[in-house]
């Protein structure tokens, strides 16, 4: 799965493409929070003692965010930040959808995109992001993964910005 580094780089590029200046602290905080919001399920895992117990479950479903998005569009007068937040969350879900065991034409891990309507995992027939090894955080493999994420984040960012 892409790391917080990739989600944040992609979020910064997306925000910049929408005219937000990430040099402003409140814009950067907005990007940092919403680019990584679906991974808040790690907190639930921490409470149970199993970090990945809930990962890619309820917080990786579109239904939750569509409802929140509609709710905030009704309540909030200034729509651009709400649109940015929704875009950042969608980019997070899309990036996570592209992660799997190895780069190439191997099935991605998938996610329950339509949770709670169904728990079926939706997956892609290819993978762009290999996993970070959790039992060897400071390994050469993980260094390569993070460098790949930085490079691909910049490439995706350029494509978003153009």
N, C-alpha and C. Protein backbone atom coordinates (compact mmCIF):
# COMPACT_ATOMS: atom_id res chain seq x y z
N UNK A 1 0.85 -1.18 0.00
CA UNK A 1 0.00 0.00 0.00
C UNK A 1 0.89 1.24 0.00
N UNK A 2 0.46 2.27 -0.66
CA UNK A 2 1.25 3.50 -0.63
C UNK A 2 1.34 4.06 0.79
N UNK A 3 2.47 4.64 1.08
CA UNK A 3 2.70 5.18 2.41
C UNK A 3 2.10 6.59 2.54
N UNK A 4 2.17 7.10 3.75
CA UNK A 4 1.75 8.46 4.02
C UNK A 4 2.53 9.45 3.17
N UNK A 5 3.78 9.12 2.88
CA UNK A 5 4.62 9.99 2.04
C UNK A 5 3.99 10.16 0.66
N UNK A 6 3.62 9.04 0.03
CA UNK A 6 3.02 9.13 -1.31
C UNK A 6 1.70 9.86 -1.27
N UNK A 7 0.84 9.50 -0.33
CA UNK A 7 -0.49 10.14 -0.25
C UNK A 7 -0.34 11.65 -0.07
N UNK A 8 0.64 12.08 0.73
CA UNK A 8 0.84 13.50 0.98
C UNK A 8 1.40 14.21 -0.25
N UNK A 9 2.37 13.60 -0.93
CA UNK A 9 2.92 14.20 -2.16
C UNK A 9 1.82 14.35 -3.20
N UNK A 10 1.05 13.31 -3.40
CA UNK A 10 -0.04 13.36 -4.38
C UNK A 10 -1.07 14.41 -3.97
N UNK A 11 -1.37 14.48 -2.69
CA UNK A 11 -2.31 15.48 -2.19
C UNK A 11 -1.82 16.90 -2.40
N UNK A 12 -0.54 17.13 -2.15
CA UNK A 12 0.03 18.48 -2.37
C UNK A 12 -0.07 18.88 -3.83
N UNK A 13 0.23 17.94 -4.72
CA UNK A 13 0.14 18.24 -6.16
C UNK A 13 -1.31 18.50 -6.57
N UNK A 14 -2.23 17.71 -6.04
CA UNK A 14 -3.65 17.91 -6.36
C UNK A 14 -4.13 19.26 -5.84
N UNK A 15 -3.75 19.61 -4.62
CA UNK A 15 -4.15 20.90 -4.04
C UNK A 15 -3.60 22.04 -4.88
N UNK A 16 -2.35 21.93 -5.26
CA UNK A 16 -1.71 22.98 -6.07
C UNK A 16 -2.42 23.11 -7.41
N UNK A 17 -2.82 21.98 -8.00
CA UNK A 17 -3.52 22.03 -9.29
C UNK A 17 -4.88 22.70 -9.18
N UNK A 18 -5.44 22.74 -7.96
CA UNK A 18 -6.73 23.40 -7.74
C UNK A 18 -6.57 24.84 -7.25
N UNK A 19 -5.31 25.31 -7.21
CA UNK A 19 -5.08 26.70 -6.84
C UNK A 19 -4.81 26.95 -5.37
N UNK A 20 -4.65 25.89 -4.58
CA UNK A 20 -4.34 26.05 -3.16
C UNK A 20 -2.83 26.14 -3.00
N UNK A 21 -2.37 27.02 -2.13
CA UNK A 21 -0.95 27.17 -1.86
C UNK A 21 -0.59 26.32 -0.66
N UNK A 22 0.20 25.28 -0.89
CA UNK A 22 0.57 24.41 0.23
C UNK A 22 1.64 25.05 1.11
N UNK A 23 2.10 26.23 0.72
CA UNK A 23 3.04 26.96 1.58
C UNK A 23 2.31 27.60 2.77
N UNK A 24 1.01 27.76 2.65
CA UNK A 24 0.22 28.26 3.78
C UNK A 24 -0.03 27.09 4.72
N UNK A 25 0.24 27.29 5.98
CA UNK A 25 0.17 26.19 6.96
C UNK A 25 -1.21 25.53 7.00
N UNK A 26 -2.28 26.34 6.98
CA UNK A 26 -3.61 25.74 7.07
C UNK A 26 -3.95 24.94 5.82
N UNK A 27 -3.45 25.33 4.65
CA UNK A 27 -3.68 24.54 3.44
C UNK A 27 -2.91 23.22 3.53
N UNK A 28 -1.65 23.29 3.99
CA UNK A 28 -0.86 22.07 4.09
C UNK A 28 -1.48 21.11 5.11
N UNK A 29 -1.96 21.63 6.23
CA UNK A 29 -2.60 20.78 7.24
C UNK A 29 -3.86 20.12 6.68
N UNK A 30 -4.62 20.88 5.89
CA UNK A 30 -5.82 20.36 5.24
C UNK A 30 -5.44 19.19 4.33
N UNK A 31 -4.39 19.41 3.51
CA UNK A 31 -3.93 18.38 2.58
C UNK A 31 -3.42 17.16 3.35
N UNK A 32 -2.62 17.38 4.36
CA UNK A 32 -2.06 16.28 5.14
C UNK A 32 -3.17 15.44 5.78
N UNK A 33 -4.16 16.10 6.34
CA UNK A 33 -5.26 15.38 7.00
C UNK A 33 -6.12 14.60 6.01
N UNK A 34 -6.58 15.26 4.96
CA UNK A 34 -7.52 14.60 4.05
C UNK A 34 -6.84 13.64 3.08
N UNK A 35 -5.56 13.84 2.79
CA UNK A 35 -4.85 12.89 1.93
C UNK A 35 -4.68 11.55 2.64
N UNK A 36 -4.67 11.58 3.95
CA UNK A 36 -4.42 10.37 4.73
C UNK A 36 -5.61 9.92 5.58
N UNK A 37 -6.74 10.61 5.45
CA UNK A 37 -7.92 10.30 6.27
C UNK A 37 -8.37 8.83 6.20
N UNK A 38 -8.40 8.20 5.03
CA UNK A 38 -8.86 6.80 5.03
C UNK A 38 -8.00 5.87 5.87
N UNK A 39 -6.78 6.26 6.19
CA UNK A 39 -5.92 5.40 7.01
C UNK A 39 -6.12 5.60 8.50
N UNK A 40 -7.17 6.33 8.87
CA UNK A 40 -7.49 6.51 10.30
C UNK A 40 -7.90 5.17 10.92
N UNK A 41 -8.19 4.19 10.07
CA UNK A 41 -8.55 2.87 10.59
C UNK A 41 -7.41 2.21 11.34
N UNK A 42 -6.18 2.70 11.15
CA UNK A 42 -5.06 2.20 11.94
C UNK A 42 -5.27 2.50 13.42
N UNK A 43 -5.90 3.62 13.73
CA UNK A 43 -6.16 3.97 15.13
C UNK A 43 -7.06 2.93 15.79
N UNK A 44 -8.07 2.48 15.06
CA UNK A 44 -8.95 1.44 15.59
C UNK A 44 -8.17 0.15 15.82
N UNK A 45 -7.24 -0.14 14.91
CA UNK A 45 -6.40 -1.32 15.08
C UNK A 45 -5.48 -1.22 16.28
N UNK A 46 -4.97 -0.02 16.54
CA UNK A 46 -4.11 0.19 17.71
C UNK A 46 -4.86 -0.10 19.00
N UNK A 47 -6.13 0.30 19.03
CA UNK A 47 -6.94 0.09 20.23
C UNK A 47 -7.17 -1.38 20.52
N UNK A 48 -7.18 -2.21 19.47
CA UNK A 48 -7.42 -3.64 19.65
C UNK A 48 -6.13 -4.45 19.77
N UNK A 49 -4.99 -3.78 19.53
CA UNK A 49 -3.71 -4.47 19.61
C UNK A 49 -3.27 -5.10 18.31
N UNK A 50 -4.05 -4.95 17.27
CA UNK A 50 -3.72 -5.50 15.95
C UNK A 50 -3.81 -4.35 14.94
N UNK A 51 -2.66 -3.77 14.60
CA UNK A 51 -2.61 -2.54 13.80
C UNK A 51 -3.39 -2.65 12.49
N UNK A 52 -3.32 -3.76 11.80
CA UNK A 52 -3.95 -3.89 10.48
C UNK A 52 -5.31 -4.58 10.52
N UNK A 53 -5.86 -4.76 11.70
CA UNK A 53 -7.13 -5.49 11.84
C UNK A 53 -8.27 -4.87 11.02
N UNK A 54 -8.36 -3.55 11.01
CA UNK A 54 -9.46 -2.88 10.31
C UNK A 54 -9.00 -2.18 9.03
N UNK A 55 -7.71 -2.30 8.72
CA UNK A 55 -7.20 -1.54 7.57
C UNK A 55 -7.87 -1.99 6.27
N UNK A 56 -8.19 -1.01 5.45
CA UNK A 56 -8.88 -1.21 4.18
C UNK A 56 -10.28 -1.79 4.40
N UNK A 57 -10.93 -1.31 5.42
CA UNK A 57 -12.31 -1.76 5.64
C UNK A 57 -13.24 -0.55 5.54
N UNK A 58 -13.90 -0.20 6.61
CA UNK A 58 -14.94 0.82 6.56
C UNK A 58 -14.44 2.19 6.12
N UNK A 59 -13.19 2.53 6.36
CA UNK A 59 -12.70 3.85 5.97
C UNK A 59 -12.24 3.90 4.52
N UNK A 60 -12.30 2.77 3.82
CA UNK A 60 -11.90 2.73 2.42
C UNK A 60 -13.10 2.48 1.50
N UNK A 61 -14.28 2.85 1.97
CA UNK A 61 -15.49 2.72 1.17
C UNK A 61 -15.95 4.10 0.69
N UNK A 62 -16.41 4.15 -0.54
CA UNK A 62 -16.86 5.42 -1.12
C UNK A 62 -18.13 5.95 -0.46
N UNK A 63 -18.99 5.05 -0.02
CA UNK A 63 -20.29 5.42 0.53
C UNK A 63 -20.16 6.42 1.67
N UNK A 64 -19.27 6.16 2.59
CA UNK A 64 -19.04 7.03 3.74
C UNK A 64 -18.68 8.45 3.30
N UNK A 65 -17.77 8.55 2.33
CA UNK A 65 -17.29 9.86 1.90
C UNK A 65 -18.30 10.61 1.03
N UNK A 66 -19.09 9.88 0.26
CA UNK A 66 -20.13 10.55 -0.53
C UNK A 66 -21.16 11.17 0.41
N UNK A 67 -21.53 10.45 1.46
CA UNK A 67 -22.48 11.00 2.44
C UNK A 67 -21.90 12.22 3.16
N UNK A 68 -20.65 12.11 3.61
CA UNK A 68 -20.00 13.25 4.28
C UNK A 68 -19.86 14.44 3.34
N UNK A 69 -19.49 14.17 2.12
CA UNK A 69 -19.33 15.22 1.11
C UNK A 69 -20.66 15.96 0.90
N UNK A 70 -21.73 15.21 0.70
CA UNK A 70 -23.05 15.83 0.49
C UNK A 70 -23.47 16.64 1.72
N UNK A 71 -23.24 16.10 2.89
CA UNK A 71 -23.58 16.78 4.14
C UNK A 71 -22.84 18.12 4.25
N UNK A 72 -21.54 18.11 4.01
CA UNK A 72 -20.75 19.33 4.15
C UNK A 72 -21.03 20.34 3.03
N UNK A 73 -21.38 19.85 1.85
CA UNK A 73 -21.73 20.78 0.78
C UNK A 73 -23.00 21.56 1.13
N UNK A 74 -23.89 20.92 1.86
CA UNK A 74 -25.12 21.59 2.29
C UNK A 74 -24.82 22.60 3.40
N UNK A 75 -23.94 22.23 4.33
CA UNK A 75 -23.66 23.06 5.50
C UNK A 75 -22.70 24.21 5.25
N UNK A 76 -21.70 24.00 4.43
CA UNK A 76 -20.60 24.95 4.31
C UNK A 76 -20.80 25.84 3.08
N UNK A 77 -20.59 27.12 3.29
CA UNK A 77 -20.77 28.08 2.22
C UNK A 77 -19.61 28.05 1.20
N UNK A 78 -18.40 27.92 1.72
CA UNK A 78 -17.22 27.90 0.85
C UNK A 78 -16.97 26.47 0.38
N UNK A 79 -17.18 26.23 -0.91
CA UNK A 79 -17.16 24.86 -1.42
C UNK A 79 -15.80 24.34 -1.86
N UNK A 80 -14.88 25.23 -2.20
CA UNK A 80 -13.58 24.77 -2.72
C UNK A 80 -12.84 23.85 -1.75
N UNK A 81 -12.75 24.20 -0.46
CA UNK A 81 -12.06 23.28 0.46
C UNK A 81 -12.75 21.92 0.58
N UNK A 82 -14.08 21.91 0.50
CA UNK A 82 -14.82 20.65 0.59
C UNK A 82 -14.55 19.80 -0.66
N UNK A 83 -14.54 20.45 -1.82
CA UNK A 83 -14.23 19.74 -3.07
C UNK A 83 -12.80 19.19 -3.03
N UNK A 84 -11.88 19.98 -2.51
CA UNK A 84 -10.49 19.52 -2.38
C UNK A 84 -10.42 18.32 -1.46
N UNK A 85 -11.09 18.37 -0.32
CA UNK A 85 -11.07 17.25 0.63
C UNK A 85 -11.58 15.98 -0.03
N UNK A 86 -12.67 16.08 -0.75
CA UNK A 86 -13.24 14.91 -1.42
C UNK A 86 -12.28 14.38 -2.49
N UNK A 87 -11.67 15.27 -3.25
CA UNK A 87 -10.71 14.89 -4.28
C UNK A 87 -9.51 14.18 -3.64
N UNK A 88 -9.02 14.70 -2.52
CA UNK A 88 -7.88 14.10 -1.83
C UNK A 88 -8.21 12.69 -1.34
N UNK A 89 -9.41 12.51 -0.82
CA UNK A 89 -9.84 11.19 -0.36
C UNK A 89 -9.97 10.23 -1.54
N UNK A 90 -10.55 10.68 -2.64
CA UNK A 90 -10.67 9.82 -3.82
C UNK A 90 -9.30 9.41 -4.35
N UNK A 91 -8.35 10.35 -4.36
CA UNK A 91 -6.99 10.02 -4.80
C UNK A 91 -6.35 8.99 -3.87
N UNK A 92 -6.59 9.10 -2.59
CA UNK A 92 -6.08 8.12 -1.64
C UNK A 92 -6.63 6.74 -1.96
N UNK A 93 -7.95 6.66 -2.15
CA UNK A 93 -8.57 5.37 -2.44
C UNK A 93 -8.07 4.79 -3.76
N UNK A 94 -7.90 5.65 -4.76
CA UNK A 94 -7.39 5.18 -6.06
C UNK A 94 -5.97 4.65 -5.92
N UNK A 95 -5.12 5.37 -5.20
CA UNK A 95 -3.74 4.91 -5.00
C UNK A 95 -3.72 3.57 -4.25
N UNK A 96 -4.53 3.45 -3.20
CA UNK A 96 -4.58 2.20 -2.46
C UNK A 96 -5.11 1.05 -3.32
N UNK A 97 -5.99 1.36 -4.22
CA UNK A 97 -6.54 0.35 -5.12
C UNK A 97 -5.46 -0.21 -6.05
N UNK A 98 -4.42 0.56 -6.28
CA UNK A 98 -3.32 0.16 -7.18
C UNK A 98 -2.18 -0.51 -6.44
N UNK A 99 -2.38 -0.95 -5.22
CA UNK A 99 -1.29 -1.58 -4.48
C UNK A 99 -1.50 -3.09 -4.39
N UNK A 100 -0.37 -3.80 -4.42
CA UNK A 100 -0.42 -5.26 -4.37
C UNK A 100 0.92 -5.84 -3.99
N UNK A 101 1.10 -7.11 -4.25
CA UNK A 101 2.31 -7.80 -3.81
C UNK A 101 3.54 -7.41 -4.62
N UNK A 102 3.36 -7.14 -5.91
CA UNK A 102 4.50 -6.76 -6.74
C UNK A 102 4.02 -5.89 -7.88
N UNK A 103 4.90 -5.02 -8.37
CA UNK A 103 4.55 -4.12 -9.48
C UNK A 103 4.37 -4.93 -10.75
N UNK A 104 3.38 -4.57 -11.52
CA UNK A 104 3.14 -5.22 -12.81
C UNK A 104 1.74 -5.77 -12.91
N UNK A 105 1.59 -6.75 -13.76
CA UNK A 105 0.27 -7.32 -14.00
C UNK A 105 -0.02 -8.46 -13.03
N UNK A 106 -0.07 -8.09 -11.78
CA UNK A 106 -0.52 -9.01 -10.73
C UNK A 106 -1.67 -8.30 -10.03
N UNK A 107 -2.65 -9.07 -9.62
CA UNK A 107 -3.88 -8.51 -9.03
C UNK A 107 -3.55 -7.65 -7.81
N UNK A 108 -4.22 -6.50 -7.72
CA UNK A 108 -4.03 -5.62 -6.56
C UNK A 108 -4.75 -6.23 -5.35
N UNK A 109 -4.44 -5.70 -4.16
CA UNK A 109 -5.06 -6.22 -2.94
C UNK A 109 -6.58 -6.02 -2.93
N UNK A 110 -7.02 -4.91 -3.47
CA UNK A 110 -8.44 -4.63 -3.50
C UNK A 110 -8.95 -3.97 -2.22
N UNK A 111 -10.17 -3.44 -2.32
CA UNK A 111 -10.80 -2.75 -1.19
C UNK A 111 -12.31 -2.89 -1.29
N UNK A 112 -13.00 -2.80 -0.15
CA UNK A 112 -14.47 -2.85 -0.17
C UNK A 112 -15.03 -1.46 -0.50
N UNK A 113 -14.94 -1.05 -1.74
CA UNK A 113 -15.33 0.30 -2.14
C UNK A 113 -16.80 0.61 -1.89
N UNK A 114 -17.65 -0.40 -1.86
CA UNK A 114 -19.08 -0.15 -1.66
C UNK A 114 -19.56 -0.53 -0.26
N UNK A 115 -18.62 -0.61 0.68
CA UNK A 115 -19.01 -0.87 2.06
C UNK A 115 -19.86 0.29 2.56
N UNK A 116 -20.93 0.13 3.25
CA UNK A 116 -21.50 -1.06 3.90
C UNK A 116 -22.52 -1.79 3.04
N UNK A 117 -22.71 -1.36 1.80
CA UNK A 117 -23.68 -2.03 0.93
C UNK A 117 -23.25 -3.46 0.64
N UNK A 118 -21.95 -3.66 0.48
CA UNK A 118 -21.39 -5.00 0.27
C UNK A 118 -19.96 -5.01 0.81
N UNK A 119 -19.52 -6.16 1.25
CA UNK A 119 -18.14 -6.29 1.73
C UNK A 119 -17.23 -6.84 0.63
N UNK A 120 -17.76 -6.96 -0.58
CA UNK A 120 -16.97 -7.47 -1.71
C UNK A 120 -15.76 -6.57 -1.96
N UNK A 121 -14.60 -7.18 -2.14
CA UNK A 121 -13.39 -6.44 -2.46
C UNK A 121 -13.31 -6.19 -3.97
N UNK A 122 -13.08 -4.95 -4.33
CA UNK A 122 -12.86 -4.58 -5.72
C UNK A 122 -11.36 -4.44 -5.92
N UNK A 123 -10.84 -5.08 -6.97
CA UNK A 123 -9.40 -5.07 -7.21
C UNK A 123 -9.13 -4.77 -8.68
N UNK A 124 -7.90 -4.38 -8.95
CA UNK A 124 -7.45 -4.12 -10.32
C UNK A 124 -6.57 -5.28 -10.77
N UNK A 125 -6.45 -5.49 -12.10
CA UNK A 125 -5.60 -6.58 -12.59
C UNK A 125 -4.11 -6.21 -12.62
N UNK A 126 -3.75 -5.06 -12.08
CA UNK A 126 -2.35 -4.64 -12.07
C UNK A 126 -2.02 -3.96 -10.75
N UNK A 127 -0.73 -3.83 -10.50
CA UNK A 127 -0.24 -3.20 -9.28
C UNK A 127 0.79 -2.15 -9.62
N UNK A 128 0.66 -0.97 -9.04
CA UNK A 128 1.64 0.10 -9.22
C UNK A 128 2.52 0.30 -8.00
N UNK A 129 2.03 -0.14 -6.84
CA UNK A 129 2.75 0.10 -5.59
C UNK A 129 2.94 -1.20 -4.81
N UNK A 130 4.21 -1.58 -4.59
CA UNK A 130 4.47 -2.78 -3.78
C UNK A 130 4.28 -2.45 -2.30
N UNK A 131 4.16 -3.48 -1.47
CA UNK A 131 3.95 -3.22 -0.04
C UNK A 131 5.24 -2.84 0.67
N UNK A 132 5.07 -2.13 1.76
CA UNK A 132 6.18 -1.87 2.68
C UNK A 132 6.23 -3.05 3.65
N UNK A 133 7.41 -3.58 3.87
CA UNK A 133 7.55 -4.70 4.80
C UNK A 133 7.43 -4.19 6.22
N UNK A 134 6.43 -4.67 6.93
CA UNK A 134 6.16 -4.18 8.28
C UNK A 134 7.12 -4.75 9.31
N UNK A 135 7.67 -5.93 9.04
CA UNK A 135 8.57 -6.55 10.00
C UNK A 135 10.03 -6.13 9.79
N UNK A 136 10.30 -5.35 8.74
CA UNK A 136 11.66 -4.88 8.47
C UNK A 136 11.60 -3.43 7.98
N UNK A 137 11.16 -2.55 8.86
CA UNK A 137 10.91 -1.15 8.50
C UNK A 137 12.13 -0.49 7.86
N UNK A 138 13.31 -0.72 8.39
CA UNK A 138 14.51 -0.06 7.88
C UNK A 138 15.29 -0.94 6.91
N UNK A 139 14.58 -1.64 6.03
CA UNK A 139 15.23 -2.53 5.07
C UNK A 139 15.49 -1.82 3.74
N UNK A 140 16.34 -2.41 2.94
CA UNK A 140 16.64 -1.88 1.61
C UNK A 140 15.38 -1.92 0.74
N UNK A 141 14.59 -2.98 0.89
CA UNK A 141 13.32 -3.10 0.15
C UNK A 141 12.43 -1.88 0.41
N UNK A 142 12.27 -1.53 1.68
CA UNK A 142 11.41 -0.40 2.03
C UNK A 142 11.97 0.92 1.52
N UNK A 143 13.28 1.06 1.51
CA UNK A 143 13.91 2.26 0.94
C UNK A 143 13.57 2.38 -0.54
N UNK A 144 13.65 1.26 -1.26
CA UNK A 144 13.31 1.26 -2.69
C UNK A 144 11.83 1.62 -2.90
N UNK A 145 10.97 1.08 -2.04
CA UNK A 145 9.53 1.36 -2.15
C UNK A 145 9.26 2.85 -1.94
N UNK A 146 9.87 3.44 -0.92
CA UNK A 146 9.65 4.86 -0.64
C UNK A 146 10.21 5.72 -1.77
N UNK A 147 11.38 5.37 -2.31
CA UNK A 147 11.93 6.11 -3.45
C UNK A 147 11.01 5.99 -4.67
N UNK A 148 10.45 4.80 -4.89
CA UNK A 148 9.49 4.60 -5.98
C UNK A 148 8.25 5.47 -5.76
N UNK A 149 7.77 5.54 -4.53
CA UNK A 149 6.59 6.35 -4.23
C UNK A 149 6.87 7.84 -4.46
N UNK A 150 8.04 8.30 -4.07
CA UNK A 150 8.39 9.71 -4.27
C UNK A 150 8.45 10.02 -5.76
N UNK A 151 9.13 9.16 -6.52
CA UNK A 151 9.24 9.36 -7.96
C UNK A 151 7.87 9.30 -8.64
N UNK A 152 7.09 8.28 -8.32
CA UNK A 152 5.77 8.16 -8.96
C UNK A 152 4.83 9.27 -8.48
N UNK A 153 4.97 9.70 -7.23
CA UNK A 153 4.16 10.82 -6.74
C UNK A 153 4.43 12.08 -7.51
N UNK A 154 5.70 12.32 -7.82
CA UNK A 154 6.05 13.51 -8.61
C UNK A 154 5.53 13.39 -10.04
N UNK A 155 5.61 12.19 -10.62
CA UNK A 155 5.10 11.99 -11.98
C UNK A 155 3.58 12.20 -12.01
N UNK A 156 2.87 11.57 -11.07
CA UNK A 156 1.41 11.76 -11.01
C UNK A 156 1.07 13.21 -10.73
N UNK A 157 1.88 13.85 -9.90
CA UNK A 157 1.67 15.27 -9.60
C UNK A 157 1.80 16.13 -10.82
N UNK A 158 2.80 15.87 -11.63
CA UNK A 158 2.98 16.62 -12.87
C UNK A 158 1.79 16.41 -13.79
N UNK A 159 1.32 15.17 -13.88
CA UNK A 159 0.15 14.89 -14.72
C UNK A 159 -1.10 15.60 -14.19
N UNK A 160 -1.25 15.65 -12.87
CA UNK A 160 -2.40 16.36 -12.28
C UNK A 160 -2.32 17.86 -12.54
N UNK A 161 -1.11 18.37 -12.49
CA UNK A 161 -0.93 19.81 -12.59
C UNK A 161 -1.07 20.33 -14.02
N UNK A 162 -0.80 19.47 -14.99
CA UNK A 162 -0.87 19.90 -16.41
C UNK A 162 -2.28 19.91 -16.95
